[in-house]
Amino acid sequence: MEKNLNKVVTRTATKWKERARRDRSNRRNITRSQAFALELLDYMDLHEIKQIDLANKMGVSAQQVNKILRAKANLTFETIDKISEALGVYITPPKIKSNKSTNSAIIHHSMQVVHKRKYKTIEEELTSERITQRNPVLQTNMENLDLYTYTANQI
């Protein structure tokens, strides 16, 4: 009994993970399928069309229509044409649009950190003693001026 339960749980977890991976890699198609499914559901509700009726008109199983309405089916042009003929409507084909707009001006720039500032810590010995040493150049007088005299050749 326990072994059977473990098998079922393992299979279910594996199927869920596989479906999640597939959905993640197929996210753009899923959102398109969901948008189409919502429009189709709205149309069917408005015209009081049942799933089984649509399936019969399309010549497919009710399960296939259910997959389409749950956005779990990969819609081909052939499937879209069948839906169009069954409902007697025109479904517009997808359009190619560039992601970049050539006419609009750039509104914002994307930026990234190139160099991160590093703060250095300087350790000093701090004392309360008074500094009595001074710069010897600043203490020049007539007596020690001879130390700082240069000839023209030395400069």
N, C-alpha and C. Protein backbone atom coordinates (compact mmCIF):
# COMPACT_ATOMS: atom_id res chain seq x y z
N MET A 1 0.83 -1.20 0.00
CA MET A 1 0.00 0.00 0.00
C MET A 1 0.87 1.26 0.00
N GLU A 2 1.89 1.25 0.86
CA GLU A 2 2.76 2.41 0.98
C GLU A 2 3.56 2.63 -0.30
N LYS A 3 4.01 1.53 -0.92
CA LYS A 3 4.79 1.63 -2.16
C LYS A 3 3.94 2.22 -3.28
N ASN A 4 2.70 1.80 -3.37
CA ASN A 4 1.80 2.32 -4.40
C ASN A 4 1.56 3.82 -4.22
N LEU A 5 1.37 4.23 -2.97
CA LEU A 5 1.15 5.65 -2.69
C LEU A 5 2.38 6.46 -3.07
N ASN A 6 3.56 5.95 -2.75
CA ASN A 6 4.80 6.66 -3.11
C ASN A 6 4.95 6.78 -4.62
N LYS A 7 4.58 5.73 -5.35
CA LYS A 7 4.65 5.78 -6.81
C LYS A 7 3.73 6.86 -7.36
N VAL A 8 2.52 6.91 -6.84
CA VAL A 8 1.54 7.90 -7.32
C VAL A 8 2.02 9.31 -7.01
N VAL A 9 2.52 9.52 -5.80
CA VAL A 9 2.99 10.85 -5.40
C VAL A 9 4.18 11.25 -6.25
N THR A 10 5.11 10.33 -6.48
CA THR A 10 6.29 10.63 -7.29
C THR A 10 5.90 10.96 -8.72
N ARG A 11 5.00 10.16 -9.30
CA ARG A 11 4.55 10.43 -10.67
C ARG A 11 3.86 11.78 -10.77
N THR A 12 3.02 12.09 -9.79
CA THR A 12 2.30 13.36 -9.81
C THR A 12 3.27 14.53 -9.69
N ALA A 13 4.24 14.43 -8.79
CA ALA A 13 5.23 15.50 -8.62
C ALA A 13 6.06 15.67 -9.88
N THR A 14 6.44 14.57 -10.49
CA THR A 14 7.23 14.63 -11.72
C THR A 14 6.44 15.28 -12.84
N LYS A 15 5.18 14.90 -13.00
CA LYS A 15 4.34 15.50 -14.04
C LYS A 15 4.17 17.00 -13.82
N TRP A 16 3.99 17.38 -12.57
CA TRP A 16 3.80 18.79 -12.24
C TRP A 16 5.06 19.58 -12.59
N LYS A 17 6.22 19.03 -12.24
CA LYS A 17 7.49 19.72 -12.53
C LYS A 17 7.71 19.84 -14.04
N GLU A 18 7.42 18.77 -14.76
CA GLU A 18 7.58 18.81 -16.22
C GLU A 18 6.66 19.85 -16.84
N ARG A 19 5.42 19.90 -16.37
CA ARG A 19 4.47 20.88 -16.90
C ARG A 19 4.92 22.30 -16.57
N ALA A 20 5.45 22.50 -15.36
CA ALA A 20 5.93 23.83 -14.97
C ALA A 20 7.10 24.26 -15.85
N ARG A 21 8.02 23.33 -16.12
CA ARG A 21 9.16 23.66 -17.00
C ARG A 21 8.67 24.00 -18.41
N ARG A 22 7.74 23.21 -18.92
CA ARG A 22 7.20 23.45 -20.25
C ARG A 22 6.49 24.80 -20.30
N ASP A 23 5.70 25.09 -19.27
CA ASP A 23 4.97 26.36 -19.24
C ASP A 23 5.93 27.54 -19.16
N ARG A 24 6.99 27.40 -18.38
CA ARG A 24 7.96 28.48 -18.23
C ARG A 24 8.65 28.77 -19.56
N SER A 25 9.02 27.74 -20.28
CA SER A 25 9.69 27.95 -21.57
C SER A 25 8.71 28.40 -22.65
N ASN A 26 7.43 28.16 -22.45
CA ASN A 26 6.40 28.45 -23.44
C ASN A 26 5.48 29.58 -22.99
N ARG A 27 5.98 30.46 -22.11
CA ARG A 27 5.14 31.48 -21.48
C ARG A 27 4.47 32.41 -22.49
N ARG A 28 5.19 32.84 -23.51
CA ARG A 28 4.62 33.77 -24.48
C ARG A 28 3.45 33.14 -25.23
N ASN A 29 3.62 31.88 -25.62
CA ASN A 29 2.54 31.19 -26.33
C ASN A 29 1.35 30.96 -25.42
N ILE A 30 1.60 30.72 -24.14
CA ILE A 30 0.49 30.50 -23.20
C ILE A 30 -0.35 31.76 -23.08
N THR A 31 0.27 32.90 -22.96
CA THR A 31 -0.52 34.13 -22.82
C THR A 31 -1.33 34.40 -24.09
N ARG A 32 -0.76 34.09 -25.25
CA ARG A 32 -1.52 34.25 -26.49
C ARG A 32 -2.71 33.30 -26.52
N SER A 33 -2.45 32.05 -26.11
CA SER A 33 -3.53 31.05 -26.08
C SER A 33 -4.61 31.45 -25.09
N GLN A 34 -4.20 31.99 -23.95
CA GLN A 34 -5.17 32.42 -22.94
C GLN A 34 -6.03 33.57 -23.46
N ALA A 35 -5.41 34.51 -24.13
CA ALA A 35 -6.17 35.64 -24.68
C ALA A 35 -7.18 35.14 -25.73
N PHE A 36 -6.72 34.23 -26.58
CA PHE A 36 -7.62 33.68 -27.60
C PHE A 36 -8.75 32.89 -26.95
N ALA A 37 -8.41 32.08 -25.94
CA ALA A 37 -9.42 31.26 -25.25
C ALA A 37 -10.47 32.15 -24.58
N LEU A 38 -10.04 33.25 -23.97
CA LEU A 38 -11.00 34.16 -23.32
C LEU A 38 -11.94 34.79 -24.34
N GLU A 39 -11.40 35.19 -25.49
CA GLU A 39 -12.25 35.77 -26.53
C GLU A 39 -13.24 34.73 -27.06
N LEU A 40 -12.75 33.51 -27.24
CA LEU A 40 -13.61 32.43 -27.73
C LEU A 40 -14.71 32.12 -26.73
N LEU A 41 -14.36 32.07 -25.45
CA LEU A 41 -15.37 31.82 -24.40
C LEU A 41 -16.43 32.92 -24.38
N ASP A 42 -15.98 34.18 -24.49
CA ASP A 42 -16.93 35.30 -24.52
C ASP A 42 -17.89 35.17 -25.71
N TYR A 43 -17.33 34.83 -26.86
CA TYR A 43 -18.16 34.68 -28.06
C TYR A 43 -19.17 33.55 -27.88
N MET A 44 -18.69 32.43 -27.33
CA MET A 44 -19.58 31.28 -27.13
C MET A 44 -20.67 31.60 -26.12
N ASP A 45 -20.34 32.33 -25.05
CA ASP A 45 -21.35 32.72 -24.06
C ASP A 45 -22.37 33.66 -24.68
N LEU A 46 -21.89 34.62 -25.46
CA LEU A 46 -22.77 35.60 -26.08
C LEU A 46 -23.76 34.94 -27.04
N HIS A 47 -23.31 33.95 -27.78
CA HIS A 47 -24.15 33.28 -28.77
C HIS A 47 -24.70 31.95 -28.28
N GLU A 48 -24.52 31.67 -27.00
CA GLU A 48 -25.04 30.46 -26.35
C GLU A 48 -24.64 29.19 -27.10
N ILE A 49 -23.36 29.08 -27.39
CA ILE A 49 -22.82 27.89 -28.06
C ILE A 49 -22.15 27.02 -27.01
N LYS A 50 -22.47 25.73 -27.00
CA LYS A 50 -21.88 24.81 -26.04
C LYS A 50 -20.61 24.20 -26.63
N GLN A 51 -19.75 23.71 -25.74
CA GLN A 51 -18.49 23.10 -26.18
C GLN A 51 -18.73 21.91 -27.11
N ILE A 52 -19.71 21.10 -26.77
CA ILE A 52 -20.00 19.91 -27.59
C ILE A 52 -20.49 20.30 -28.98
N ASP A 53 -21.26 21.39 -29.05
CA ASP A 53 -21.74 21.87 -30.35
C ASP A 53 -20.57 22.35 -31.22
N LEU A 54 -19.65 23.09 -30.60
CA LEU A 54 -18.47 23.56 -31.33
C LEU A 54 -17.61 22.38 -31.78
N ALA A 55 -17.47 21.40 -30.92
CA ALA A 55 -16.67 20.21 -31.27
C ALA A 55 -17.28 19.48 -32.47
N ASN A 56 -18.60 19.33 -32.46
CA ASN A 56 -19.28 18.65 -33.59
C ASN A 56 -19.10 19.43 -34.89
N LYS A 57 -19.23 20.76 -34.83
CA LYS A 57 -19.08 21.58 -36.03
C LYS A 57 -17.64 21.56 -36.55
N MET A 58 -16.67 21.47 -35.61
CA MET A 58 -15.26 21.44 -36.01
C MET A 58 -14.81 20.06 -36.46
N GLY A 59 -15.54 19.03 -36.03
CA GLY A 59 -15.15 17.67 -36.37
C GLY A 59 -14.04 17.14 -35.48
N VAL A 60 -14.01 17.63 -34.23
CA VAL A 60 -13.01 17.16 -33.26
C VAL A 60 -13.74 16.70 -32.01
N SER A 61 -12.99 16.16 -31.06
CA SER A 61 -13.61 15.69 -29.82
C SER A 61 -13.90 16.87 -28.88
N ALA A 62 -14.80 16.62 -27.95
CA ALA A 62 -15.13 17.64 -26.95
C ALA A 62 -13.91 17.93 -26.07
N GLN A 63 -13.06 16.91 -25.87
CA GLN A 63 -11.85 17.10 -25.07
C GLN A 63 -10.90 18.09 -25.75
N GLN A 64 -10.83 18.03 -27.08
CA GLN A 64 -9.96 18.96 -27.81
C GLN A 64 -10.45 20.39 -27.65
N VAL A 65 -11.75 20.60 -27.74
CA VAL A 65 -12.32 21.94 -27.54
C VAL A 65 -12.06 22.41 -26.11
N ASN A 66 -12.19 21.50 -25.17
CA ASN A 66 -11.93 21.84 -23.77
C ASN A 66 -10.47 22.27 -23.59
N LYS A 67 -9.54 21.59 -24.25
CA LYS A 67 -8.12 21.97 -24.18
C LYS A 67 -7.91 23.37 -24.76
N ILE A 68 -8.59 23.65 -25.85
CA ILE A 68 -8.46 24.98 -26.48
C ILE A 68 -8.98 26.05 -25.54
N LEU A 69 -10.12 25.79 -24.91
CA LEU A 69 -10.73 26.79 -24.02
C LEU A 69 -9.96 26.95 -22.71
N ARG A 70 -9.17 25.96 -22.33
CA ARG A 70 -8.33 26.08 -21.14
C ARG A 70 -6.93 26.56 -21.49
N ALA A 71 -6.70 26.88 -22.76
CA ALA A 71 -5.41 27.36 -23.27
C ALA A 71 -4.30 26.33 -23.07
N LYS A 72 -4.65 25.06 -23.17
CA LYS A 72 -3.66 23.99 -23.03
C LYS A 72 -3.27 23.40 -24.37
N ALA A 73 -3.96 23.77 -25.44
CA ALA A 73 -3.68 23.23 -26.77
C ALA A 73 -2.79 24.19 -27.53
N ASN A 74 -1.89 23.63 -28.31
CA ASN A 74 -1.05 24.44 -29.18
C ASN A 74 -1.84 24.71 -30.45
N LEU A 75 -2.31 25.92 -30.60
CA LEU A 75 -3.18 26.26 -31.72
C LEU A 75 -2.37 26.39 -33.01
N THR A 76 -2.79 25.64 -34.01
CA THR A 76 -2.19 25.76 -35.33
C THR A 76 -3.12 26.59 -36.20
N PHE A 77 -2.61 27.00 -37.36
CA PHE A 77 -3.47 27.74 -38.28
C PHE A 77 -4.65 26.89 -38.72
N GLU A 78 -4.41 25.59 -38.84
CA GLU A 78 -5.48 24.67 -39.24
C GLU A 78 -6.59 24.66 -38.18
N THR A 79 -6.21 24.61 -36.90
CA THR A 79 -7.20 24.62 -35.81
C THR A 79 -7.97 25.93 -35.80
N ILE A 80 -7.25 27.03 -35.97
CA ILE A 80 -7.90 28.35 -35.99
C ILE A 80 -8.88 28.44 -37.16
N ASP A 81 -8.49 27.89 -38.31
CA ASP A 81 -9.40 27.88 -39.48
C ASP A 81 -10.64 27.05 -39.21
N LYS A 82 -10.48 25.91 -38.52
CA LYS A 82 -11.64 25.07 -38.17
C LYS A 82 -12.60 25.83 -37.26
N ILE A 83 -12.05 26.53 -36.28
CA ILE A 83 -12.89 27.32 -35.35
C ILE A 83 -13.61 28.41 -36.13
N SER A 84 -12.89 29.07 -37.02
CA SER A 84 -13.47 30.14 -37.83
C SER A 84 -14.63 29.63 -38.68
N GLU A 85 -14.44 28.51 -39.34
CA GLU A 85 -15.49 27.93 -40.18
C GLU A 85 -16.68 27.45 -39.35
N ALA A 86 -16.40 26.84 -38.19
CA ALA A 86 -17.47 26.30 -37.35
C ALA A 86 -18.34 27.42 -36.79
N LEU A 87 -17.74 28.54 -36.45
CA LEU A 87 -18.50 29.65 -35.87
C LEU A 87 -19.01 30.62 -36.93
N GLY A 88 -18.49 30.52 -38.14
CA GLY A 88 -18.90 31.44 -39.20
C GLY A 88 -18.38 32.85 -38.98
N VAL A 89 -17.20 32.95 -38.43
CA VAL A 89 -16.58 34.25 -38.16
C VAL A 89 -15.21 34.31 -38.82
N TYR A 90 -14.69 35.52 -38.94
CA TYR A 90 -13.34 35.72 -39.48
C TYR A 90 -12.40 35.99 -38.31
N ILE A 91 -11.37 35.17 -38.17
CA ILE A 91 -10.37 35.37 -37.12
C ILE A 91 -9.15 35.98 -37.78
N THR A 92 -8.76 37.14 -37.31
CA THR A 92 -7.65 37.87 -37.94
C THR A 92 -6.34 37.13 -37.74
N PRO A 93 -5.50 37.13 -38.78
CA PRO A 93 -4.19 36.48 -38.65
C PRO A 93 -3.26 37.33 -37.78
N PRO A 94 -2.23 36.72 -37.22
CA PRO A 94 -1.30 37.50 -36.40
C PRO A 94 -0.53 38.49 -37.27
N LYS A 95 -0.15 39.60 -36.67
CA LYS A 95 0.57 40.64 -37.39
C LYS A 95 2.01 40.71 -36.89
N ILE A 96 2.91 41.11 -37.76
CA ILE A 96 4.31 41.25 -37.39
C ILE A 96 4.55 42.71 -37.04
N LYS A 97 4.99 42.94 -35.82
CA LYS A 97 5.29 44.29 -35.36
C LYS A 97 6.68 44.28 -34.75
N SER A 98 7.42 45.32 -35.03
CA SER A 98 8.76 45.44 -34.46
C SER A 98 8.65 45.85 -33.00
N ASN A 99 9.53 45.33 -32.19
CA ASN A 99 9.54 45.72 -30.78
C ASN A 99 10.08 47.12 -30.59
N LYS A 100 10.91 47.58 -31.52
CA LYS A 100 11.50 48.91 -31.41
C LYS A 100 10.70 49.88 -32.25
N SER A 101 10.40 51.01 -31.69
CA SER A 101 9.68 52.04 -32.42
C SER A 101 10.70 52.99 -33.03
N THR A 102 10.63 53.21 -34.34
CA THR A 102 11.60 54.07 -35.01
C THR A 102 11.19 55.53 -34.94
N ASN A 103 9.92 55.82 -34.72
CA ASN A 103 9.44 57.20 -34.71
C ASN A 103 9.48 57.85 -33.35
N SER A 104 9.47 57.08 -32.29
CA SER A 104 9.38 57.68 -30.97
C SER A 104 10.77 57.98 -30.41
N ALA A 105 10.84 59.02 -29.64
CA ALA A 105 12.10 59.41 -29.01
C ALA A 105 12.36 58.54 -27.78
N ILE A 106 13.63 58.47 -27.42
CA ILE A 106 13.98 57.69 -26.23
C ILE A 106 13.56 58.48 -25.00
N ILE A 107 12.80 57.85 -24.14
CA ILE A 107 12.30 58.52 -22.95
C ILE A 107 13.22 58.30 -21.77
N HIS A 108 13.75 57.12 -21.64
CA HIS A 108 14.62 56.83 -20.51
C HIS A 108 15.74 55.89 -20.95
N HIS A 109 16.79 55.87 -20.18
CA HIS A 109 17.93 55.01 -20.46
C HIS A 109 18.02 53.94 -19.40
N SER A 110 18.50 52.80 -19.79
CA SER A 110 18.75 51.78 -18.78
C SER A 110 20.19 51.93 -18.32
N MET A 111 20.40 51.80 -17.04
CA MET A 111 21.72 52.01 -16.47
C MET A 111 22.10 50.81 -15.62
N GLN A 112 23.39 50.62 -15.49
CA GLN A 112 23.85 49.58 -14.60
C GLN A 112 25.08 50.07 -13.86
N VAL A 113 25.33 49.50 -12.71
CA VAL A 113 26.46 49.90 -11.90
C VAL A 113 27.71 49.28 -12.52
N VAL A 114 28.67 50.13 -12.86
CA VAL A 114 29.91 49.65 -13.46
C VAL A 114 30.98 49.49 -12.39
N HIS A 115 31.04 50.46 -11.49
CA HIS A 115 32.06 50.42 -10.44
C HIS A 115 31.38 50.70 -9.11
N LYS A 116 31.60 49.84 -8.20
CA LYS A 116 31.04 50.03 -6.88
C LYS A 116 32.10 50.66 -5.99
N ARG A 117 31.76 51.75 -5.36
CA ARG A 117 32.72 52.47 -4.52
C ARG A 117 33.06 51.64 -3.29
N LYS A 118 34.34 51.58 -3.02
CA LYS A 118 34.81 50.89 -1.82
C LYS A 118 35.27 51.95 -0.83
N TYR A 119 34.81 51.84 0.35
CA TYR A 119 35.20 52.77 1.39
C TYR A 119 36.39 52.21 2.14
N LYS A 120 37.42 53.05 2.29
CA LYS A 120 38.61 52.63 3.01
C LYS A 120 38.53 53.17 4.43
N THR A 121 38.98 52.36 5.33
CA THR A 121 39.02 52.78 6.72
C THR A 121 40.47 53.10 7.07
N ILE A 122 40.68 54.31 7.49
CA ILE A 122 42.03 54.73 7.89
C ILE A 122 42.09 54.71 9.40
N GLU A 123 43.04 53.93 9.88
CA GLU A 123 43.18 53.84 11.33
C GLU A 123 44.28 54.80 11.77
N GLU A 124 43.99 55.59 12.72
CA GLU A 124 44.96 56.55 13.24
C GLU A 124 45.02 56.41 14.74
N GLU A 125 46.17 56.76 15.22
CA GLU A 125 46.28 56.82 16.67
C GLU A 125 45.89 58.23 17.09
N LEU A 126 44.88 58.33 17.82
CA LEU A 126 44.41 59.63 18.26
C LEU A 126 44.84 59.84 19.70
N THR A 127 45.48 60.97 19.89
CA THR A 127 45.88 61.32 21.26
C THR A 127 45.43 62.74 21.52
N SER A 128 45.44 63.07 22.74
CA SER A 128 45.06 64.43 23.11
C SER A 128 46.27 65.32 23.29
N GLU A 129 47.45 64.83 22.91
CA GLU A 129 48.66 65.64 23.04
C GLU A 129 48.68 66.73 21.99
N ARG A 130 49.27 67.83 22.36
CA ARG A 130 49.36 68.95 21.45
C ARG A 130 50.55 68.75 20.52
N ILE A 131 50.36 69.11 19.28
CA ILE A 131 51.43 68.96 18.31
C ILE A 131 52.32 70.19 18.39
N THR A 132 53.59 69.94 18.65
CA THR A 132 54.53 71.07 18.79
C THR A 132 55.51 71.12 17.63
N GLN A 133 55.53 70.10 16.84
CA GLN A 133 56.43 70.07 15.70
C GLN A 133 55.84 70.88 14.57
N ARG A 134 56.67 71.63 13.90
CA ARG A 134 56.19 72.42 12.77
C ARG A 134 57.04 72.13 11.55
N ASN A 135 56.54 72.55 10.45
CA ASN A 135 57.26 72.37 9.20
C ASN A 135 58.53 73.23 9.23
N PRO A 136 59.72 72.63 9.00
CA PRO A 136 60.96 73.40 9.10
C PRO A 136 61.06 74.49 8.03
N VAL A 137 60.43 74.31 6.89
CA VAL A 137 60.49 75.34 5.85
C VAL A 137 59.78 76.60 6.32
N LEU A 138 58.71 76.41 7.09
CA LEU A 138 57.96 77.56 7.57
C LEU A 138 58.69 78.29 8.70
N GLN A 139 59.69 77.65 9.27
CA GLN A 139 60.44 78.27 10.37
C GLN A 139 61.77 78.85 9.89
N THR A 140 61.81 79.32 8.68
CA THR A 140 63.07 79.89 8.18
C THR A 140 63.31 81.26 8.80
N ASN A 141 64.55 81.48 9.09
CA ASN A 141 64.98 82.80 9.57
C ASN A 141 66.37 83.05 9.00
N MET A 142 66.96 84.11 9.37
CA MET A 142 68.26 84.49 8.80
C MET A 142 69.35 83.48 9.15
N GLU A 143 69.21 82.81 10.27
CA GLU A 143 70.25 81.87 10.68
C GLU A 143 70.21 80.57 9.86
N ASN A 144 69.05 80.03 9.62
CA ASN A 144 68.98 78.77 8.88
C ASN A 144 68.65 78.97 7.40
N LEU A 145 68.68 80.19 6.92
CA LEU A 145 68.41 80.49 5.53
C LEU A 145 69.47 79.91 4.61
N ASP A 146 70.68 79.79 5.11
CA ASP A 146 71.77 79.25 4.30
C ASP A 146 71.49 77.81 3.86
N LEU A 147 70.70 77.06 4.62
CA LEU A 147 70.37 75.68 4.25
C LEU A 147 69.51 75.62 2.98
N TYR A 148 68.77 76.67 2.74
CA TYR A 148 67.83 76.68 1.62
C TYR A 148 68.28 77.53 0.43
N THR A 149 69.51 77.95 0.44
CA THR A 149 69.99 78.75 -0.69
C THR A 149 70.54 77.82 -1.76
N TYR A 150 70.18 78.12 -2.96
CA TYR A 150 70.61 77.31 -4.09
C TYR A 150 71.28 78.21 -5.10
N THR A 151 72.17 77.62 -5.82
CA THR A 151 72.78 78.38 -6.91
C THR A 151 71.93 78.15 -8.15
N ALA A 152 72.18 78.91 -9.16
CA ALA A 152 71.41 78.81 -10.40
C ALA A 152 71.64 77.46 -11.06
N ASN A 153 72.79 76.86 -10.89
CA ASN A 153 73.07 75.57 -11.50
C ASN A 153 72.30 74.44 -10.81
N GLN A 154 72.02 74.57 -9.52
CA GLN A 154 71.33 73.52 -8.79
C GLN A 154 69.83 73.47 -9.12
N ILE A 155 69.29 74.60 -9.49
CA ILE A 155 67.86 74.65 -9.77
C ILE A 155 67.65 74.25 -11.16
